[in-house]
Amino acid sequence: QVQLVESGGGLVQPGGSLRLSCVASETLFSGYSMGWYRQYPGKQRDFVARSSRDGTAAYAGDVKRRFTISRDDARNTLYLEMNDLMPEDTAVYYCNSIPAGDSWGQGTQVTVSS
């Protein structure tokens, strides 16, 4: 059974930082590249960042140089360090494999507002 549990979201002012965490089931985490996605109200989920099994990272253009993805294979945990947050980063953030499976966690809300 796939497990994806995201946490770490919250309300932050523009320019602030947050660190998201995602605990995933071992079978998913060990077998796939993992990524972060975000969803705006009424929109589909968009790719944010990817961490391959060898640790190689890739980012969507609008978060590059602001967000950093990392993974702890011993803890089956994926992280997203988000710096210099902007109001347009406000969304629900999810983690999943890449390509994404059918099962999703509850996500974690990130709100950037003054």
Protein backbone atom coordinates (compact mmCIF):
# COMPACT_ATOMS: atom_id res chain seq x y z
CA GLN A 1 0.00 0.00 0.00
CA VAL A 2 1.37 3.38 -1.00
CA GLN A 3 1.88 5.84 1.83
CA LEU A 4 2.55 9.51 1.28
CA VAL A 5 2.39 11.91 4.22
CA GLU A 6 3.30 15.53 3.62
CA SER A 7 3.94 18.11 6.35
CA GLY A 8 5.63 21.41 7.04
CA GLY A 9 3.34 23.85 5.30
CA GLY A 10 2.01 27.00 6.86
CA LEU A 11 1.57 30.74 6.56
CA VAL A 12 4.68 32.74 5.77
CA GLN A 13 5.38 36.29 4.67
CA PRO A 14 6.83 37.05 1.24
CA GLY A 15 10.55 36.44 1.30
CA GLY A 16 10.23 33.85 4.02
CA SER A 17 11.18 30.19 4.07
CA LEU A 18 9.56 26.84 4.75
CA ARG A 19 10.77 23.26 4.74
CA LEU A 20 8.35 20.59 3.60
CA SER A 21 8.72 16.92 4.42
CA CYS A 22 7.17 13.83 2.90
CA VAL A 23 7.37 10.35 4.36
CA ALA A 24 6.75 7.71 1.73
CA SER A 25 6.41 3.97 1.78
CA GLU A 26 9.70 2.17 1.33
CA THR A 27 8.69 0.33 -1.82
CA LEU A 28 7.82 3.61 -3.50
CA PHE A 29 10.79 5.58 -2.22
CA SER A 30 13.42 3.00 -3.04
CA GLY A 31 12.13 2.19 -6.47
CA TYR A 32 11.46 5.54 -8.05
CA SER A 33 12.55 9.08 -8.51
CA MET A 34 10.49 11.23 -6.15
CA GLY A 35 9.10 14.65 -6.69
CA TRP A 36 7.13 17.55 -5.36
CA TYR A 37 4.04 18.86 -7.06
CA ARG A 38 1.73 21.76 -6.25
CA GLN A 39 -1.86 22.48 -6.98
CA TYR A 40 -3.59 25.83 -7.23
CA PRO A 41 -7.35 25.98 -6.55
CA GLY A 42 -9.27 24.59 -9.49
CA LYS A 43 -6.12 23.60 -11.36
CA GLN A 44 -4.28 20.35 -11.98
CA ARG A 45 -1.14 19.48 -10.08
CA ASP A 46 2.05 20.91 -11.53
CA PHE A 47 5.57 19.57 -11.27
CA VAL A 48 7.83 21.50 -8.89
CA ALA A 49 10.99 19.45 -8.33
CA ARG A 50 12.44 15.98 -8.78
CA SER A 51 15.05 13.99 -6.90
CA SER A 52 16.31 10.98 -8.79
CA ARG A 53 17.50 7.88 -7.00
CA ASP A 54 21.09 8.99 -7.54
CA GLY A 55 20.30 12.36 -5.97
CA THR A 56 20.19 14.32 -9.19
CA ALA A 57 17.76 17.22 -8.90
CA ALA A 58 15.61 19.07 -11.40
CA TYR A 59 13.27 22.00 -10.94
CA ALA A 60 10.47 23.87 -12.61
CA GLY A 61 11.71 27.15 -14.00
CA ASP A 62 9.88 29.42 -11.60
CA VAL A 63 11.31 27.76 -8.46
CA LYS A 64 14.83 27.15 -9.64
CA ARG A 65 17.41 28.87 -7.42
CA ARG A 66 14.77 29.33 -4.69
CA PHE A 67 13.78 25.74 -3.86
CA THR A 68 16.02 22.81 -3.01
CA ILE A 69 14.88 19.20 -3.05
CA SER A 70 16.66 16.51 -1.08
CA ARG A 71 16.01 12.97 0.11
CA ASP A 72 16.94 10.81 3.07
CA ASP A 73 16.84 7.24 1.82
CA ALA A 74 17.32 5.82 5.31
CA ARG A 75 14.12 7.52 6.46
CA ASN A 76 12.18 7.26 3.19
CA THR A 77 11.72 11.01 3.47
CA LEU A 78 11.70 13.68 0.81
CA TYR A 79 12.29 17.34 1.61
CA LEU A 80 11.68 20.63 -0.11
CA GLU A 81 13.50 23.67 1.21
CA MET A 82 11.71 26.75 -0.04
CA ASN A 83 13.35 30.16 0.21
CA ASP A 84 12.41 33.63 -0.96
CA LEU A 85 8.78 32.60 -1.08
CA MET A 86 6.38 34.63 -3.19
CA PRO A 87 2.59 34.93 -3.09
CA GLU A 88 2.40 32.89 -6.30
CA ASP A 89 3.92 29.96 -4.42
CA THR A 90 0.67 29.69 -2.46
CA ALA A 91 -0.70 26.23 -3.19
CA VAL A 92 -1.18 22.76 -1.76
CA TYR A 93 2.06 20.82 -2.08
CA TYR A 94 2.17 17.08 -2.65
CA CYS A 95 4.88 14.51 -3.07
CA ASN A 96 4.73 11.44 -5.28
CA SER A 97 6.88 9.30 -7.45
CA ILE A 98 7.94 10.41 -10.90
CA PRO A 99 5.99 9.55 -12.90
CA ALA A 100 3.24 10.05 -10.34
CA GLY A 101 1.18 7.11 -9.17
CA ASP A 102 -2.58 7.13 -8.74
CA SER A 103 -2.51 7.46 -4.95
CA TRP A 104 -1.85 10.84 -3.37
CA GLY A 105 -1.42 12.04 0.18
CA GLN A 106 -3.40 14.82 1.78
CA GLY A 107 -0.87 17.47 0.80
CA THR A 108 0.31 20.40 2.87
CA GLN A 109 -0.95 23.95 2.42
CA VAL A 110 1.58 26.70 1.83
CA THR A 111 0.27 30.24 2.04
CA VAL A 112 2.52 33.20 1.29
CA SER A 113 0.92 36.44 2.33
CA SER A 114 1.70 39.62 4.20
